[in-house]
Amino acid sequence: MLGVKNLHKSFGSNQVLKGIDFEINKGEVIAIIGSSGSGKTTLLRCMAFLEQANDGIFIFDDLSKDIRSISKKEIKEIRMKMGFVFQNFNLFRNMTALQNVMEGLTVARKMPAEKARQKSLEMLKKVGMLDRANYYPDQLSGGQQQRVAIARALATDPEVILFDEPTSALDPELTGEVLEVMVKLAREGTTMVVVTHEMEFARNVADKVIFMENGVVVEEGSAEEVLSDPKQEATRRFLKRILRKEEEE
């Protein structure tokens, strides 16, 4: 359904992605784990064309094309089928929760205002934020803002949603409410690619876990294979470090 082959991305002389192969099928949840700087976020942003990769093949549904020759029209069509949830919410501060969700429907998709309003209220209800529809972002907690951001991503009925460390900007007590929504979406069959440091989410929800280090995929497999019985020394080192950090907290 969605994939890349031999994906490369550099920022100047810094090679961030060094030939990544990745694919996700409809209804799957894939968790991408790895240390800061391993290339996880860059991979996600390249797949959503928020960054332009230097080289590789991009695959989405029936499209399979050299990433350097994809047209602006094709990129626009691809983005219309994707949702993206950012680490720092990226809500418009001067708009209410409802207006934030409506914006993509009325502006990008030219949906009539009343239809967009009903759709947006439906999505806010889905993430438990209907009672905060008329609140501005500054009146909401971080967890509430992220749930609004998820509602915004859901409102366009995307084929796949990309999550970039959706809980890393949150206090621990607010993380649970966001993960609860994501678990619910996974159970409903939503196709999701999640860059995360939440190992329990990866273990309990993901169909596949990918471990990245230094711009390459070091290991991939089921959550049980990668998190409980990793084959690569780099994966074992990373998981020990995560475990140690959790114990310290």
Protein backbone atom coordinates (compact mmCIF):
# COMPACT_ATOMS: atom_id res chain seq x y z
CA MET A 1 0.00 0.00 0.00
CA LEU A 2 2.71 2.52 1.07
CA GLY A 3 6.42 1.98 0.76
CA VAL A 4 9.83 3.26 -0.22
CA LYS A 5 12.80 1.45 -1.73
CA ASN A 6 16.43 2.48 -1.38
CA LEU A 7 15.46 5.88 0.04
CA HIS A 8 18.30 8.37 0.53
CA LYS A 9 18.23 11.79 2.15
CA SER A 10 21.09 14.16 2.96
CA PHE A 11 21.19 17.60 4.50
CA GLY A 12 24.31 19.08 2.95
CA SER A 13 27.14 16.64 3.69
CA ASN A 14 25.14 14.91 6.45
CA GLN A 15 23.66 11.68 5.07
CA VAL A 16 20.60 11.01 7.23
CA LEU A 17 18.92 8.15 5.33
CA LYS A 18 21.19 5.59 3.69
CA GLY A 19 19.04 3.36 1.52
CA ILE A 20 15.86 2.64 3.49
CA ASP A 21 13.38 -0.03 2.40
CA PHE A 22 9.99 0.23 4.07
CA GLU A 23 6.45 -0.97 3.40
CA ILE A 24 3.14 -1.05 5.21
CA ASN A 25 -0.06 -2.82 4.19
CA LYS A 26 -3.62 -1.68 4.74
CA GLY A 27 -4.75 -2.08 8.35
CA GLU A 28 -1.25 -2.55 9.75
CA VAL A 29 0.39 -0.62 12.58
CA ILE A 30 4.15 -0.22 12.28
CA ALA A 31 6.23 1.23 15.12
CA ILE A 32 9.59 2.78 14.27
CA ILE A 33 12.01 2.96 17.19
CA GLY A 34 15.59 4.13 17.59
CA SER A 35 17.77 6.73 19.24
CA SER A 36 17.49 10.44 18.57
CA GLY A 37 19.23 11.25 15.27
CA SER A 38 18.74 7.78 13.79
CA GLY A 39 16.64 9.14 10.89
CA LYS A 40 13.16 8.12 12.06
CA THR A 41 11.49 11.52 11.72
CA THR A 42 13.27 12.25 8.44
CA LEU A 43 11.93 8.97 7.02
CA LEU A 44 8.39 9.92 7.99
CA ARG A 45 8.72 13.43 6.59
CA CYS A 46 10.13 12.12 3.31
CA MET A 47 7.22 9.69 2.98
CA ALA A 48 4.79 12.59 3.43
CA PHE A 49 6.83 14.86 1.11
CA LEU A 50 7.37 17.36 3.90
CA GLU A 51 11.03 16.82 2.99
CA GLN A 52 12.23 15.99 -0.50
CA ALA A 53 14.31 12.81 -0.55
CA ASN A 54 17.37 12.73 -2.80
CA ASP A 55 16.87 9.29 -4.27
CA GLY A 56 14.68 6.20 -4.10
CA ILE A 57 11.40 4.68 -5.27
CA PHE A 58 8.08 5.78 -3.75
CA ILE A 59 5.10 3.39 -3.76
CA PHE A 60 1.52 4.27 -2.84
CA ASP A 61 -1.42 2.16 -4.01
CA ASP A 62 -0.95 1.82 -7.80
CA LEU A 63 1.79 4.47 -8.02
CA SER A 64 5.42 3.31 -8.14
CA LYS A 65 7.83 6.00 -9.20
CA ASP A 66 11.34 7.38 -8.89
CA ILE A 67 11.04 9.94 -6.11
CA ARG A 68 12.92 12.53 -8.16
CA SER A 69 10.34 12.48 -10.95
CA ILE A 70 7.11 12.68 -8.94
CA SER A 71 5.16 15.75 -10.02
CA LYS A 72 3.68 18.42 -7.75
CA LYS A 73 0.22 17.23 -8.81
CA GLU A 74 1.05 13.66 -7.76
CA ILE A 75 2.47 14.87 -4.44
CA LYS A 76 -0.73 16.81 -3.77
CA GLU A 77 -2.83 13.72 -4.54
CA ILE A 78 -0.64 11.56 -2.25
CA ARG A 79 -0.92 14.04 0.61
CA MET A 80 -4.72 14.05 0.27
CA LYS A 81 -4.64 10.35 1.19
CA MET A 82 -2.39 10.81 4.25
CA GLY A 83 -2.79 12.20 7.73
CA PHE A 84 0.18 13.48 9.71
CA VAL A 85 0.34 13.99 13.49
CA PHE A 86 3.27 16.11 14.62
CA GLN A 87 5.29 15.94 17.82
CA ASN A 88 4.35 19.52 18.79
CA PHE A 89 0.68 19.42 17.70
CA ASN A 90 1.03 22.24 15.08
CA LEU A 91 -2.40 23.71 15.85
CA PHE A 92 -3.33 27.24 14.81
CA ARG A 93 -3.27 29.23 18.06
CA ASN A 94 -5.90 31.72 16.86
CA MET A 95 -8.44 29.01 16.00
CA THR A 96 -10.65 26.90 18.24
CA ALA A 97 -10.31 23.11 18.31
CA LEU A 98 -13.29 22.88 15.93
CA GLN A 99 -11.84 25.46 13.53
CA ASN A 100 -8.48 23.66 13.53
CA VAL A 101 -10.14 20.41 12.46
CA MET A 102 -12.36 22.15 9.89
CA GLU A 103 -9.54 24.09 8.24
CA GLY A 104 -8.16 21.23 6.13
CA LEU A 105 -11.65 20.27 4.99
CA THR A 106 -12.83 23.72 3.92
CA VAL A 107 -9.54 25.06 2.53
CA ALA A 108 -7.71 22.07 1.02
CA ARG A 109 -10.76 19.98 0.11
CA LYS A 110 -13.29 22.75 -0.56
CA MET A 111 -15.90 21.00 1.56
CA PRO A 112 -19.02 23.10 2.31
CA ALA A 113 -18.71 24.72 5.75
CA GLU A 114 -21.69 23.00 7.39
CA LYS A 115 -20.65 19.56 6.14
CA ALA A 116 -17.08 20.24 7.36
CA ARG A 117 -18.44 21.35 10.73
CA GLN A 118 -20.46 18.16 11.22
CA LYS A 119 -17.52 15.98 10.14
CA SER A 120 -15.18 17.84 12.50
CA LEU A 121 -17.54 17.53 15.47
CA GLU A 122 -17.81 13.80 14.74
CA MET A 123 -14.01 13.46 14.81
CA LEU A 124 -13.66 15.52 18.01
CA LYS A 125 -16.22 13.21 19.62
CA LYS A 126 -14.20 10.20 18.46
CA VAL A 127 -11.10 11.43 20.32
CA GLY A 128 -13.04 12.55 23.42
CA MET A 129 -12.74 16.27 22.72
CA LEU A 130 -16.31 17.26 21.76
CA ASP A 131 -16.78 19.20 25.00
CA ARG A 132 -13.70 21.29 24.15
CA ALA A 133 -14.72 22.11 20.56
CA ASN A 134 -14.82 25.86 21.20
CA TYR A 135 -11.62 26.04 23.26
CA TYR A 136 -8.44 27.57 21.87
CA PRO A 137 -5.15 25.60 22.01
CA ASP A 138 -3.84 27.74 24.89
CA GLN A 139 -6.86 26.67 26.94
CA LEU A 140 -6.06 22.97 26.42
CA SER A 141 -3.50 20.65 27.96
CA GLY A 142 -0.81 19.12 25.74
CA GLY A 143 -2.68 15.82 25.66
CA GLN A 144 -5.89 17.56 24.65
CA GLN A 145 -4.10 19.48 21.91
CA GLN A 146 -2.64 16.27 20.54
CA ARG A 147 -6.08 14.66 20.51
CA VAL A 148 -7.37 17.62 18.49
CA ALA A 149 -4.43 17.11 16.11
CA ILE A 150 -5.42 13.44 15.74
CA ALA A 151 -9.03 14.49 15.05
CA ARG A 152 -7.72 16.84 12.36
CA ALA A 153 -5.77 13.98 10.74
CA LEU A 154 -8.80 11.66 10.90
CA ALA A 155 -11.22 14.20 9.44
CA THR A 156 -9.87 13.77 5.90
CA ASP A 157 -10.50 9.98 5.94
CA PRO A 158 -6.84 9.21 5.17
CA GLU A 159 -5.67 5.82 3.95
CA VAL A 160 -2.72 6.01 6.35
CA ILE A 161 -1.77 8.23 9.30
CA LEU A 162 1.86 9.02 10.09
CA PHE A 163 2.59 9.83 13.75
CA ASP A 164 5.88 11.55 14.60
CA GLU A 165 6.59 10.87 18.30
CA PRO A 166 3.06 11.97 19.25
CA THR A 167 3.66 11.73 23.02
CA SER A 168 7.25 12.95 23.38
CA ALA A 169 6.23 16.56 24.11
CA LEU A 170 3.80 15.46 26.83
CA ASP A 171 4.11 14.97 30.56
CA PRO A 172 3.81 11.29 31.53
CA GLU A 173 0.32 11.75 32.98
CA LEU A 174 -0.94 13.19 29.67
CA THR A 175 0.68 10.50 27.52
CA GLY A 176 -1.90 7.87 28.47
CA GLU A 177 -4.89 9.76 27.06
CA VAL A 178 -3.21 10.10 23.65
CA LEU A 179 -2.06 6.47 23.56
CA GLU A 180 -5.60 5.38 24.49
CA VAL A 181 -6.95 7.10 21.37
CA MET A 182 -4.22 5.54 19.21
CA VAL A 183 -4.91 2.05 20.58
CA LYS A 184 -8.59 2.54 19.75
CA LEU A 185 -7.73 3.58 16.19
CA ALA A 186 -5.47 0.55 15.77
CA ARG A 187 -8.25 -1.77 16.93
CA GLU A 188 -10.56 -0.19 14.36
CA GLY A 189 -8.10 -1.12 11.61
CA THR A 190 -6.54 2.30 10.96
CA THR A 191 -3.30 2.03 9.00
CA MET A 192 -0.63 3.75 11.11
CA VAL A 193 3.11 4.40 10.99
CA VAL A 194 4.24 5.52 14.43
CA VAL A 195 7.66 6.87 15.32
CA THR A 196 7.68 6.32 19.07
CA HIS A 197 9.72 5.83 22.22
CA GLU A 198 6.73 4.18 23.96
CA MET A 199 7.89 0.57 24.08
CA GLU A 200 4.70 -0.74 25.65
CA PHE A 201 2.65 0.71 22.80
CA ALA A 202 5.03 -0.86 20.28
CA ARG A 203 4.88 -4.20 22.08
CA ASN A 204 1.10 -4.34 22.53
CA VAL A 205 -0.23 -2.61 19.41
CA ALA A 206 2.27 -2.79 16.52
CA ASP A 207 2.06 -5.53 13.90
CA LYS A 208 5.70 -4.84 13.07
CA VAL A 209 8.54 -3.00 14.78
CA ILE A 210 11.43 -1.39 12.90
CA PHE A 211 14.63 -0.40 14.69
CA MET A 212 16.72 2.29 13.00
CA GLU A 213 20.24 3.47 13.75
CA ASN A 214 22.50 5.84 11.81
CA GLY A 215 20.11 6.13 8.88
CA VAL A 216 19.60 2.42 8.21
CA VAL A 217 17.08 -0.23 9.25
CA VAL A 218 19.07 -2.48 11.59
CA GLU A 219 16.28 -4.89 12.47
CA GLU A 220 12.60 -5.45 11.77
CA GLY A 221 10.03 -8.05 12.65
CA SER A 222 7.10 -8.67 14.96
CA ALA A 223 7.08 -6.84 18.29
CA GLU A 224 7.92 -10.12 20.01
CA GLU A 225 10.92 -10.75 17.74
CA VAL A 226 12.42 -7.27 17.93
CA LEU A 227 11.61 -6.27 21.52
CA SER A 228 11.87 -9.63 23.30
CA ASP A 229 14.40 -11.52 21.23
CA PRO A 230 16.45 -9.04 19.16
CA LYS A 231 19.04 -10.57 16.84
CA GLN A 232 21.27 -7.51 16.42
CA GLU A 233 23.66 -6.22 19.06
CA ALA A 234 22.69 -2.60 18.27
CA THR A 235 19.03 -3.39 19.01
CA ARG A 236 19.95 -5.08 22.29
CA ARG A 237 22.06 -2.08 23.32
CA PHE A 238 19.24 0.34 22.55
CA LEU A 239 16.62 -1.67 24.46
CA LYS A 240 18.91 -2.00 27.51
CA ARG A 241 19.39 1.77 27.51
CA ILE A 242 15.63 2.36 27.30
CA LEU A 243 15.00 -0.11 30.11
CA ARG A 244 17.64 1.53 32.30
CA LYS A 245 16.12 4.96 31.68
CA GLU A 246 12.62 3.71 32.59
CA GLU A 247 13.96 2.20 35.83
CA GLU A 248 15.64 5.50 36.74
CA GLU A 249 12.37 7.37 36.21
